[in-house]
Amino acid sequence: MTNTGGNGRGKSCNLFCGESVNYPVSFDLKVIIETSIHADESQKNLETLLNKLKVPFSDWRRRLSSGGKYISFTVNVDIDSAELLKKVYARLKEVPGVKFAI
């Protein structure tokens, strides 16, 4: 889980980074992004990041928050190592408008 909290410094948890996870693992990655950035552009930015890191992904879903300030993107990803998972969360902080990722 990463929370950028608006200050660019994310909080991390070791949900998948412990000894108990057997890689490769497939899970739904959820990213919350401000709607000030168009949804199509945000999804393209996320796809670009995953492609650069060579993370297979599928099944994009979007949901607008009740107040319309945020949009959540959920996508199934295949992660082959704890190192790759750490890279994904670290690089998500660089995507414009990202507020939170789990």
PDB file of N, CA and C in Angstrom:
ATOM      1  N   MET A   1       0.854  -1.163   0.000  1.00  0.00           N
ATOM      2  CA  MET A   1       0.000   0.000   0.000  1.00  0.00           C
ATOM      3  C   MET A   1       0.894   1.217   0.000  1.00  0.00           C
ATOM      4  N   THR A   2       0.563   2.210  -0.807  1.00  0.00           N
ATOM      5  CA  THR A   2       1.313   3.447  -0.835  1.00  0.00           C
ATOM      6  C   THR A   2       0.349   4.602  -0.767  1.00  0.00           C
ATOM      7  N   ASN A   3       0.624   5.542   0.102  1.00  0.00           N
ATOM      8  CA  ASN A   3      -0.188   6.745   0.236  1.00  0.00           C
ATOM      9  C   ASN A   3       0.713   7.928   0.007  1.00  0.00           C
ATOM     10  N   THR A   4       0.495   8.656  -1.083  1.00  0.00           N
ATOM     11  CA  THR A   4       1.350   9.793  -1.360  1.00  0.00           C
ATOM     12  C   THR A   4       0.958  10.992  -0.537  1.00  0.00           C
ATOM     13  N   GLY A   5      -0.263  11.039  -0.026  1.00  0.00           N
ATOM     14  CA  GLY A   5      -0.693  12.064   0.903  1.00  0.00           C
ATOM     15  C   GLY A   5      -0.443  13.479   0.452  1.00  0.00           C
ATOM     16  N   GLY A   6      -0.236  13.697  -0.828  1.00  0.00           N
ATOM     17  CA  GLY A   6      -0.055  15.048  -1.332  1.00  0.00           C
ATOM     18  C   GLY A   6       1.347  15.589  -1.141  1.00  0.00           C
ATOM     19  N   ASN A   7       2.192  14.924  -0.355  1.00  0.00           N
ATOM     20  CA  ASN A   7       3.529  15.448  -0.131  1.00  0.00           C
ATOM     21  C   ASN A   7       4.591  14.668  -0.881  1.00  0.00           C
ATOM     22  N   GLY A   8       4.178  13.686  -1.643  1.00  0.00           N
ATOM     23  CA  GLY A   8       5.125  12.926  -2.444  1.00  0.00           C
ATOM     24  C   GLY A   8       5.879  11.866  -1.656  1.00  0.00           C
ATOM     25  N   ARG A   9       5.687  11.808  -0.360  1.00  0.00           N
ATOM     26  CA  ARG A   9       6.357  10.797   0.452  1.00  0.00           C
ATOM     27  C   ARG A   9       5.352   9.708   0.789  1.00  0.00           C
ATOM     28  N   GLY A  10       5.518   8.570   0.192  1.00  0.00           N
ATOM     29  CA  GLY A  10       4.550   7.506   0.385  1.00  0.00           C
ATOM     30  C   GLY A  10       4.827   6.685   1.625  1.00  0.00           C
ATOM     31  N   LYS A  11       3.785   6.135   2.175  1.00  0.00           N
ATOM     32  CA  LYS A  11       3.896   5.161   3.245  1.00  0.00           C
ATOM     33  C   LYS A  11       3.797   3.801   2.589  1.00  0.00           C
ATOM     34  N   SER A  12       4.587   2.873   3.044  1.00  0.00           N
ATOM     35  CA  SER A  12       4.576   1.549   2.430  1.00  0.00           C
ATOM     36  C   SER A  12       4.259   0.487   3.462  1.00  0.00           C
ATOM     37  N   CYS A  13       3.643  -0.557   3.005  1.00  0.00           N
ATOM     38  CA  CYS A  13       3.464  -1.722   3.865  1.00  0.00           C
ATOM     39  C   CYS A  13       4.035  -2.911   3.121  1.00  0.00           C
ATOM     40  N   ASN A  14       4.433  -3.897   3.840  1.00  0.00           N
ATOM     41  CA  ASN A  14       5.061  -5.058   3.241  1.00  0.00           C
ATOM     42  C   ASN A  14       4.063  -6.179   2.991  1.00  0.00           C
ATOM     43  N   LEU A  15       2.899  -5.832   2.497  1.00  0.00           N
ATOM     44  CA  LEU A  15       1.840  -6.788   2.272  1.00  0.00           C
ATOM     45  C   LEU A  15       2.309  -7.991   1.457  1.00  0.00           C
ATOM     46  N   PHE A  16       3.041  -7.755   0.366  1.00  0.00           N
ATOM     47  CA  PHE A  16       3.494  -8.840  -0.493  1.00  0.00           C
ATOM     48  C   PHE A  16       4.992  -9.076  -0.396  1.00  0.00           C
ATOM     49  N   CYS A  17       5.688  -8.306   0.412  1.00  0.00           N
ATOM     50  CA  CYS A  17       7.141  -8.363   0.412  1.00  0.00           C
ATOM     51  C   CYS A  17       7.711  -9.310   1.467  1.00  0.00           C
ATOM     52  N   GLY A  18       6.860  -9.946   2.232  1.00  0.00           N
ATOM     53  CA  GLY A  18       7.324 -10.854   3.267  1.00  0.00           C
ATOM     54  C   GLY A  18       7.635 -12.234   2.728  1.00  0.00           C
ATOM     55  N   GLU A  19       8.118 -13.067   3.602  1.00  0.00           N
ATOM     56  CA  GLU A  19       8.500 -14.427   3.244  1.00  0.00           C
ATOM     57  C   GLU A  19       7.314 -15.301   2.844  1.00  0.00           C
ATOM     58  N   SER A  20       6.107 -14.950   3.275  1.00  0.00           N
ATOM     59  CA  SER A  20       4.956 -15.824   3.082  1.00  0.00           C
ATOM     60  C   SER A  20       4.358 -15.779   1.680  1.00  0.00           C
ATOM     61  N   VAL A  21       4.805 -14.871   0.835  1.00  0.00           N
ATOM     62  CA  VAL A  21       4.260 -14.760  -0.513  1.00  0.00           C
ATOM     63  C   VAL A  21       5.102 -15.594  -1.464  1.00  0.00           C
ATOM     64  N   ASN A  22       4.424 -16.391  -2.254  1.00  0.00           N
ATOM     65  CA  ASN A  22       5.098 -17.181  -3.278  1.00  0.00           C
ATOM     66  C   ASN A  22       4.916 -16.484  -4.620  1.00  0.00           C
ATOM     67  N   TYR A  23       5.996 -15.946  -5.151  1.00  0.00           N
ATOM     68  CA  TYR A  23       5.957 -15.282  -6.448  1.00  0.00           C
ATOM     69  C   TYR A  23       6.132 -16.319  -7.533  1.00  0.00           C
ATOM     70  N   PRO A  24       5.549 -16.137  -8.694  1.00  0.00           N
ATOM     71  CA  PRO A  24       4.766 -14.971  -9.121  1.00  0.00           C
ATOM     72  C   PRO A  24       3.391 -14.935  -8.466  1.00  0.00           C
ATOM     73  N   VAL A  25       2.831 -13.723  -8.398  1.00  0.00           N
ATOM     74  CA  VAL A  25       1.524 -13.516  -7.810  1.00  0.00           C
ATOM     75  C   VAL A  25       0.699 -12.618  -8.725  1.00  0.00           C
ATOM     76  N   SER A  26      -0.578 -12.896  -8.794  1.00  0.00           N
ATOM     77  CA  SER A  26      -1.505 -12.082  -9.577  1.00  0.00           C
ATOM     78  C   SER A  26      -2.489 -11.453  -8.601  1.00  0.00           C
ATOM     79  N   PHE A  27      -2.712 -10.143  -8.722  1.00  0.00           N
ATOM     80  CA  PHE A  27      -3.650  -9.467  -7.832  1.00  0.00           C
ATOM     81  C   PHE A  27      -4.199  -8.215  -8.498  1.00  0.00           C
ATOM     82  N   ASP A  28      -5.261  -7.662  -7.925  1.00  0.00           N
ATOM     83  CA  ASP A  28      -5.840  -6.417  -8.421  1.00  0.00           C
ATOM     84  C   ASP A  28      -5.139  -5.239  -7.769  1.00  0.00           C
ATOM     85  N   LEU A  29      -4.499  -4.427  -8.590  1.00  0.00           N
ATOM     86  CA  LEU A  29      -3.856  -3.197  -8.157  1.00  0.00           C
ATOM     87  C   LEU A  29      -4.886  -2.080  -8.286  1.00  0.00           C
ATOM     88  N   LYS A  30      -5.061  -1.300  -7.227  1.00  0.00           N
ATOM     89  CA  LYS A  30      -6.010  -0.206  -7.258  1.00  0.00           C
ATOM     90  C   LYS A  30      -5.252   1.099  -7.059  1.00  0.00           C
ATOM     91  N   VAL A  31      -5.496   2.053  -7.958  1.00  0.00           N
ATOM     92  CA  VAL A  31      -4.811   3.343  -7.914  1.00  0.00           C
ATOM     93  C   VAL A  31      -5.871   4.443  -7.932  1.00  0.00           C
ATOM     94  N   ILE A  32      -5.784   5.352  -6.979  1.00  0.00           N
ATOM     95  CA  ILE A  32      -6.699   6.489  -6.878  1.00  0.00           C
ATOM     96  C   ILE A  32      -5.999   7.712  -7.451  1.00  0.00           C
ATOM     97  N   ILE A  33      -6.656   8.371  -8.406  1.00  0.00           N
ATOM     98  CA  ILE A  33      -6.069   9.525  -9.101  1.00  0.00           C
ATOM     99  C   ILE A  33      -7.066  10.674  -9.103  1.00  0.00           C
ATOM    100  N   GLU A  34      -6.544  11.888  -8.972  1.00  0.00           N
ATOM    101  CA  GLU A  34      -7.383  13.089  -9.031  1.00  0.00           C
ATOM    102  C   GLU A  34      -8.015  13.203 -10.416  1.00  0.00           C
ATOM    103  N   THR A  35      -9.264  13.666 -10.468  1.00  0.00           N
ATOM    104  CA  THR A  35      -9.943  13.808 -11.757  1.00  0.00           C
ATOM    105  C   THR A  35      -9.524  15.068 -12.503  1.00  0.00           C
ATOM    106  N   SER A  36      -8.636  15.868 -11.913  1.00  0.00           N
ATOM    107  CA  SER A  36      -8.122  17.027 -12.638  1.00  0.00           C
ATOM    108  C   SER A  36      -7.335  16.589 -13.869  1.00  0.00           C
ATOM    109  N   ILE A  37      -6.922  15.324 -13.879  1.00  0.00           N
ATOM    110  CA  ILE A  37      -6.270  14.731 -15.040  1.00  0.00           C
ATOM    111  C   ILE A  37      -7.296  13.815 -15.697  1.00  0.00           C
ATOM    112  N   HIS A  38      -7.483  13.979 -16.987  1.00  0.00           N
ATOM    113  CA  HIS A  38      -8.491  13.211 -17.717  1.00  0.00           C
ATOM    114  C   HIS A  38      -8.280  11.713 -17.510  1.00  0.00           C
ATOM    115  N   ALA A  39      -9.356  10.976 -17.348  1.00  0.00           N
ATOM    116  CA  ALA A  39      -9.309   9.541 -17.052  1.00  0.00           C
ATOM    117  C   ALA A  39      -8.529   8.752 -18.108  1.00  0.00           C
ATOM    118  N   ASP A  40      -8.732   9.075 -19.379  1.00  0.00           N
ATOM    119  CA  ASP A  40      -8.015   8.347 -20.432  1.00  0.00           C
ATOM    120  C   ASP A  40      -6.518   8.585 -20.342  1.00  0.00           C
ATOM    121  N   GLU A  41      -6.124   9.819 -20.026  1.00  0.00           N
ATOM    122  CA  GLU A  41      -4.705  10.147 -19.875  1.00  0.00           C
ATOM    123  C   GLU A  41      -4.119   9.419 -18.663  1.00  0.00           C
ATOM    124  N   SER A  42      -4.881   9.380 -17.567  1.00  0.00           N
ATOM    125  CA  SER A  42      -4.415   8.685 -16.370  1.00  0.00           C
ATOM    126  C   SER A  42      -4.206   7.202 -16.644  1.00  0.00           C
ATOM    127  N   GLN A  43      -5.158   6.581 -17.325  1.00  0.00           N
ATOM    128  CA  GLN A  43      -5.013   5.158 -17.636  1.00  0.00           C
ATOM    129  C   GLN A  43      -3.811   4.939 -18.545  1.00  0.00           C
ATOM    130  N   LYS A  44      -3.624   5.822 -19.514  1.00  0.00           N
ATOM    131  CA  LYS A  44      -2.469   5.702 -20.412  1.00  0.00           C
ATOM    132  C   LYS A  44      -1.165   5.810 -19.620  1.00  0.00           C
ATOM    133  N   ASN A  45      -1.113   6.739 -18.652  1.00  0.00           N
ATOM    134  CA  ASN A  45       0.080   6.880 -17.819  1.00  0.00           C
ATOM    135  C   ASN A  45       0.358   5.611 -17.018  1.00  0.00           C
ATOM    136  N   LEU A  46      -0.697   5.007 -16.488  1.00  0.00           N
ATOM    137  CA  LEU A  46      -0.538   3.769 -15.733  1.00  0.00           C
ATOM    138  C   LEU A  46      -0.090   2.626 -16.640  1.00  0.00           C
ATOM    139  N   GLU A  47      -0.678   2.534 -17.827  1.00  0.00           N
ATOM    140  CA  GLU A  47      -0.285   1.499 -18.782  1.00  0.00           C
ATOM    141  C   GLU A  47       1.176   1.662 -19.190  1.00  0.00           C
ATOM    142  N   THR A  48       1.600   2.894 -19.415  1.00  0.00           N
ATOM    143  CA  THR A  48       2.989   3.164 -19.785  1.00  0.00           C
ATOM    144  C   THR A  48       3.935   2.692 -18.693  1.00  0.00           C
ATOM    145  N   LEU A  49       3.603   2.996 -17.444  1.00  0.00           N
ATOM    146  CA  LEU A  49       4.428   2.570 -16.317  1.00  0.00           C
ATOM    147  C   LEU A  49       4.531   1.046 -16.266  1.00  0.00           C
ATOM    148  N   LEU A  50       3.398   0.370 -16.347  1.00  0.00           N
ATOM    149  CA  LEU A  50       3.406  -1.094 -16.275  1.00  0.00           C
ATOM    150  C   LEU A  50       4.173  -1.701 -17.448  1.00  0.00           C
ATOM    151  N   ASN A  51       4.017  -1.126 -18.628  1.00  0.00           N
ATOM    152  CA  ASN A  51       4.762  -1.622 -19.794  1.00  0.00           C
ATOM    153  C   ASN A  51       6.263  -1.428 -19.624  1.00  0.00           C
ATOM    154  N   LYS A  52       6.681  -0.254 -19.112  1.00  0.00           N
ATOM    155  CA  LYS A  52       8.111   0.004 -18.903  1.00  0.00           C
ATOM    156  C   LYS A  52       8.717  -0.989 -17.928  1.00  0.00           C
ATOM    157  N   LEU A  53       7.938  -1.368 -16.916  1.00  0.00           N
ATOM    158  CA  LEU A  53       8.434  -2.325 -15.926  1.00  0.00           C
ATOM    159  C   LEU A  53       8.181  -3.775 -16.343  1.00  0.00           C
ATOM    160  N   LYS A  54       7.587  -3.956 -17.528  1.00  0.00           N
ATOM    161  CA  LYS A  54       7.301  -5.284 -18.086  1.00  0.00           C
ATOM    162  C   LYS A  54       6.387  -6.097 -17.165  1.00  0.00           C
ATOM    163  N   VAL A  55       5.364  -5.407 -16.635  1.00  0.00           N
ATOM    164  CA  VAL A  55       4.374  -6.051 -15.774  1.00  0.00           C
ATOM    165  C   VAL A  55       3.155  -6.400 -16.621  1.00  0.00           C
ATOM    166  N   PRO A  56       2.841  -7.682 -16.782  1.00  0.00           N
ATOM    167  CA  PRO A  56       1.622  -8.055 -17.508  1.00  0.00           C
ATOM    168  C   PRO A  56       0.388  -7.561 -16.748  1.00  0.00           C
ATOM    169  N   PHE A  57      -0.590  -7.049 -17.491  1.00  0.00           N
ATOM    170  CA  PHE A  57      -1.804  -6.533 -16.859  1.00  0.00           C
ATOM    171  C   PHE A  57      -3.003  -6.800 -17.745  1.00  0.00           C
ATOM    172  N   SER A  58      -4.197  -6.795 -17.103  1.00  0.00           N
ATOM    173  CA  SER A  58      -5.442  -7.009 -17.845  1.00  0.00           C
ATOM    174  C   SER A  58      -6.617  -6.549 -17.003  1.00  0.00           C
ATOM    175  N   ASP A  59      -7.770  -6.449 -17.651  1.00  0.00           N
ATOM    176  CA  ASP A  59      -9.046  -6.219 -16.978  1.00  0.00           C
ATOM    177  C   ASP A  59      -9.118  -4.868 -16.253  1.00  0.00           C
ATOM    178  N   TRP A  60      -8.985  -3.778 -17.010  1.00  0.00           N
ATOM    179  CA  TRP A  60      -9.092  -2.431 -16.437  1.00  0.00           C
ATOM    180  C   TRP A  60     -10.525  -2.145 -16.004  1.00  0.00           C
ATOM    181  N   ARG A  61     -10.660  -1.542 -14.835  1.00  0.00           N
ATOM    182  CA  ARG A  61     -11.948  -1.064 -14.348  1.00  0.00           C
ATOM    183  C   ARG A  61     -11.756   0.331 -13.777  1.00  0.00           C
ATOM    184  N   ARG A  62     -12.784   1.166 -13.935  1.00  0.00           N
ATOM    185  CA  ARG A  62     -12.752   2.543 -13.437  1.00  0.00           C
ATOM    186  C   ARG A  62     -13.980   2.795 -12.576  1.00  0.00           C
ATOM    187  N   ARG A  63     -13.793   3.664 -11.577  1.00  0.00           N
ATOM    188  CA  ARG A  63     -14.931   4.066 -10.763  1.00  0.00           C
ATOM    189  C   ARG A  63     -14.703   5.480 -10.257  1.00  0.00           C
ATOM    190  N   LEU A  64     -15.672   6.343 -10.516  1.00  0.00           N
ATOM    191  CA  LEU A  64     -15.610   7.733 -10.072  1.00  0.00           C
ATOM    192  C   LEU A  64     -16.069   7.819  -8.626  1.00  0.00           C
ATOM    193  N   SER A  65     -15.372   8.626  -7.818  1.00  0.00           N
ATOM    194  CA  SER A  65     -15.779   8.796  -6.422  1.00  0.00           C
ATOM    195  C   SER A  65     -17.121   9.521  -6.361  1.00  0.00           C
ATOM    196  N   SER A  66     -17.812   9.385  -5.238  1.00  0.00           N
ATOM    197  CA  SER A  66     -19.144   9.995  -5.100  1.00  0.00           C
ATOM    198  C   SER A  66     -19.089  11.511  -5.244  1.00  0.00           C
ATOM    199  N   GLY A  67     -18.016  12.126  -4.816  1.00  0.00           N
ATOM    200  CA  GLY A  67     -17.876  13.577  -4.936  1.00  0.00           C
ATOM    201  C   GLY A  67     -17.295  14.015  -6.267  1.00  0.00           C
ATOM    202  N   GLY A  68     -16.837  13.068  -7.070  1.00  0.00           N
ATOM    203  CA  GLY A  68     -16.292  13.379  -8.389  1.00  0.00           C
ATOM    204  C   GLY A  68     -14.877  13.922  -8.383  1.00  0.00           C
ATOM    205  N   LYS A  69     -14.219  13.906  -7.230  1.00  0.00           N
ATOM    206  CA  LYS A  69     -12.869  14.465  -7.129  1.00  0.00           C
ATOM    207  C   LYS A  69     -11.780  13.458  -7.520  1.00  0.00           C
ATOM    208  N   TYR A  70     -12.106  12.180  -7.385  1.00  0.00           N
ATOM    209  CA  TYR A  70     -11.126  11.124  -7.658  1.00  0.00           C
ATOM    210  C   TYR A  70     -11.739  10.045  -8.546  1.00  0.00           C
ATOM    211  N   ILE A  71     -10.856   9.347  -9.239  1.00  0.00           N
ATOM    212  CA  ILE A  71     -11.264   8.172  -9.993  1.00  0.00           C
ATOM    213  C   ILE A  71     -10.334   7.041  -9.591  1.00  0.00           C
ATOM    214  N   SER A  72     -10.909   5.864  -9.380  1.00  0.00           N
ATOM    215  CA  SER A  72     -10.080   4.710  -9.054  1.00  0.00           C
ATOM    216  C   SER A  72      -9.943   3.841 -10.297  1.00  0.00           C
ATOM    217  N   PHE A  73      -8.741   3.363 -10.480  1.00  0.00           N
ATOM    218  CA  PHE A  73      -8.436   2.422 -11.552  1.00  0.00           C
ATOM    219  C   PHE A  73      -8.032   1.118 -10.886  1.00  0.00           C
ATOM    220  N   THR A  74      -8.657   0.042 -11.296  1.00  0.00           N
ATOM    221  CA  THR A  74      -8.308  -1.279 -10.801  1.00  0.00           C
ATOM    222  C   THR A  74      -7.890  -2.105 -12.007  1.00  0.00           C
ATOM    223  N   VAL A  75      -6.770  -2.775 -11.871  1.00  0.00           N
ATOM    224  CA  VAL A  75      -6.243  -3.583 -12.962  1.00  0.00           C
ATOM    225  C   VAL A  75      -5.574  -4.812 -12.364  1.00  0.00           C
ATOM    226  N   ASN A  76      -5.752  -5.944 -13.014  1.00  0.00           N
ATOM    227  CA  ASN A  76      -5.097  -7.160 -12.565  1.00  0.00           C
ATOM    228  C   ASN A  76      -3.660  -7.156 -13.080  1.00  0.00           C
ATOM    229  N   VAL A  77      -2.706  -7.387 -12.178  1.00  0.00           N
ATOM    230  CA  VAL A  77      -1.288  -7.405 -12.543  1.00  0.00           C
ATOM    231  C   VAL A  77      -0.660  -8.723 -12.130  1.00  0.00           C
ATOM    232  N   ASP A  78       0.376  -9.110 -12.844  1.00  0.00           N
ATOM    233  CA  ASP A  78       1.162 -10.298 -12.527  1.00  0.00           C
ATOM    234  C   ASP A  78       2.555  -9.830 -12.118  1.00  0.00           C
ATOM    235  N   ILE A  79       2.915 -10.104 -10.873  1.00  0.00           N
ATOM    236  CA  ILE A  79       4.192  -9.663 -10.323  1.00  0.00           C
ATOM    237  C   ILE A  79       5.042 -10.889 -10.049  1.00  0.00           C
ATOM    238  N   ASP A  80       6.290 -10.866 -10.551  1.00  0.00           N
ATOM    239  CA  ASP A  80       7.122 -12.063 -10.415  1.00  0.00           C
ATOM    240  C   ASP A  80       8.145 -12.015  -9.290  1.00  0.00           C
ATOM    241  N   SER A  81       8.248 -10.870  -8.584  1.00  0.00           N
ATOM    242  CA  SER A  81       9.203 -10.810  -7.478  1.00  0.00           C
ATOM    243  C   SER A  81       8.867  -9.651  -6.547  1.00  0.00           C
ATOM    244  N   ALA A  82       9.373  -9.736  -5.322  1.00  0.00           N
ATOM    245  CA  ALA A  82       9.190  -8.651  -4.352  1.00  0.00           C
ATOM    246  C   ALA A  82       9.870  -7.376  -4.850  1.00  0.00           C
ATOM    247  N   GLU A  83      10.993  -7.527  -5.524  1.00  0.00           N
ATOM    248  CA  GLU A  83      11.715  -6.373  -6.049  1.00  0.00           C
ATOM    249  C   GLU A  83      10.876  -5.626  -7.084  1.00  0.00           C
ATOM    250  N   LEU A  84      10.213  -6.379  -7.952  1.00  0.00           N
ATOM    251  CA  LEU A  84       9.367  -5.752  -8.964  1.00  0.00           C
ATOM    252  C   LEU A  84       8.189  -5.046  -8.309  1.00  0.00           C
ATOM    253  N   LEU A  85       7.601  -5.660  -7.306  1.00  0.00           N
ATOM    254  CA  LEU A  85       6.483  -5.026  -6.609  1.00  0.00           C
ATOM    255  C   LEU A  85       6.914  -3.701  -5.985  1.00  0.00           C
ATOM    256  N   LYS A  86       8.063  -3.685  -5.374  1.00  0.00           N
ATOM    257  CA  LYS A  86       8.584  -2.445  -4.782  1.00  0.00           C
ATOM    258  C   LYS A  86       8.790  -1.372  -5.847  1.00  0.00           C
ATOM    259  N   LYS A  87       9.306  -1.777  -7.016  1.00  0.00           N
ATOM    260  CA  LYS A  87       9.509  -0.827  -8.117  1.00  0.00           C
ATOM    261  C   LYS A  87       8.187  -0.240  -8.583  1.00  0.00           C
ATOM    262  N   VAL A  88       7.170  -1.091  -8.709  1.00  0.00           N
ATOM    263  CA  VAL A  88       5.855  -0.617  -9.159  1.00  0.00           C
ATOM    264  C   VAL A  88       5.346   0.471  -8.222  1.00  0.00           C
ATOM    265  N   TYR A  89       5.334   0.183  -6.915  1.00  0.00           N
ATOM    266  CA  TYR A  89       4.819   1.168  -5.961  1.00  0.00           C
ATOM    267  C   TYR A  89       5.677   2.426  -5.913  1.00  0.00           C
ATOM    268  N   ALA A  90       6.981   2.275  -6.039  1.00  0.00           N
ATOM    269  CA  ALA A  90       7.864   3.448  -6.045  1.00  0.00           C
ATOM    270  C   ALA A  90       7.583   4.336  -7.262  1.00  0.00           C
ATOM    271  N   ARG A  91       7.403   3.724  -8.422  1.00  0.00           N
ATOM    272  CA  ARG A  91       7.179   4.485  -9.656  1.00  0.00           C
ATOM    273  C   ARG A  91       5.770   5.065  -9.734  1.00  0.00           C
ATOM    274  N   LEU A  92       4.796   4.450  -9.054  1.00  0.00           N
ATOM    275  CA  LEU A  92       3.437   5.001  -9.045  1.00  0.00           C
ATOM    276  C   LEU A  92       3.418   6.407  -8.453  1.00  0.00           C
ATOM    277  N   LYS A  93       4.334   6.691  -7.549  1.00  0.00           N
ATOM    278  CA  LYS A  93       4.417   8.022  -6.934  1.00  0.00           C
ATOM    279  C   LYS A  93       4.735   9.100  -7.963  1.00  0.00           C
ATOM    280  N   GLU A  94       5.306   8.704  -9.097  1.00  0.00           N
ATOM    281  CA  GLU A  94       5.701   9.642 -10.139  1.00  0.00           C
ATOM    282  C   GLU A  94       4.587   9.917 -11.148  1.00  0.00           C
ATOM    283  N   VAL A  95       3.519   9.146 -11.106  1.00  0.00           N
ATOM    284  CA  VAL A  95       2.401   9.319 -12.056  1.00  0.00           C
ATOM    285  C   VAL A  95       1.582  10.533 -11.636  1.00  0.00           C
ATOM    286  N   PRO A  96       1.346  11.474 -12.552  1.00  0.00           N
ATOM    287  CA  PRO A  96       0.605  12.679 -12.215  1.00  0.00           C
ATOM    288  C   PRO A  96      -0.776  12.379 -11.614  1.00  0.00           C
ATOM    289  N   GLY A  97      -1.065  13.036 -10.492  1.00  0.00           N
ATOM    290  CA  GLY A  97      -2.386  12.945  -9.878  1.00  0.00           C
ATOM    291  C   GLY A  97      -2.609  11.776  -8.945  1.00  0.00           C
ATOM    292  N   VAL A  98      -1.658  10.857  -8.836  1.00  0.00           N
ATOM    293  CA  VAL A  98      -1.851   9.694  -7.970  1.00  0.00           C
ATOM    294  C   VAL A  98      -1.879  10.142  -6.524  1.00  0.00           C
ATOM    295  N   LYS A  99      -2.917   9.710  -5.816  1.00  0.00           N
ATOM    296  CA  LYS A  99      -3.054  10.012  -4.400  1.00  0.00           C
ATOM    297  C   LYS A  99      -2.809   8.802  -3.529  1.00  0.00           C
ATOM    298  N   PHE A 100      -3.161   7.610  -4.026  1.00  0.00           N
ATOM    299  CA  PHE A 100      -3.121   6.418  -3.188  1.00  0.00           C
ATOM    300  C   PHE A 100      -3.081   5.193  -4.076  1.00  0.00           C
ATOM    301  N   ALA A 101      -2.355   4.170  -3.642  1.00  0.00           N
ATOM    302  CA  ALA A 101      -2.337   2.907  -4.383  1.00  0.00           C
ATOM    303  C   ALA A 101      -2.295   1.748  -3.405  1.00  0.00           C
ATOM    304  N   ILE A 102      -3.114   0.737  -3.689  1.00  0.00           N
ATOM    305  CA  ILE A 102      -3.112  -0.469  -2.856  1.00  0.00           C
ATOM    306  C   ILE A 102      -3.103  -1.690  -3.756  1.00  0.00           C
TER     307      ILE A 102
END
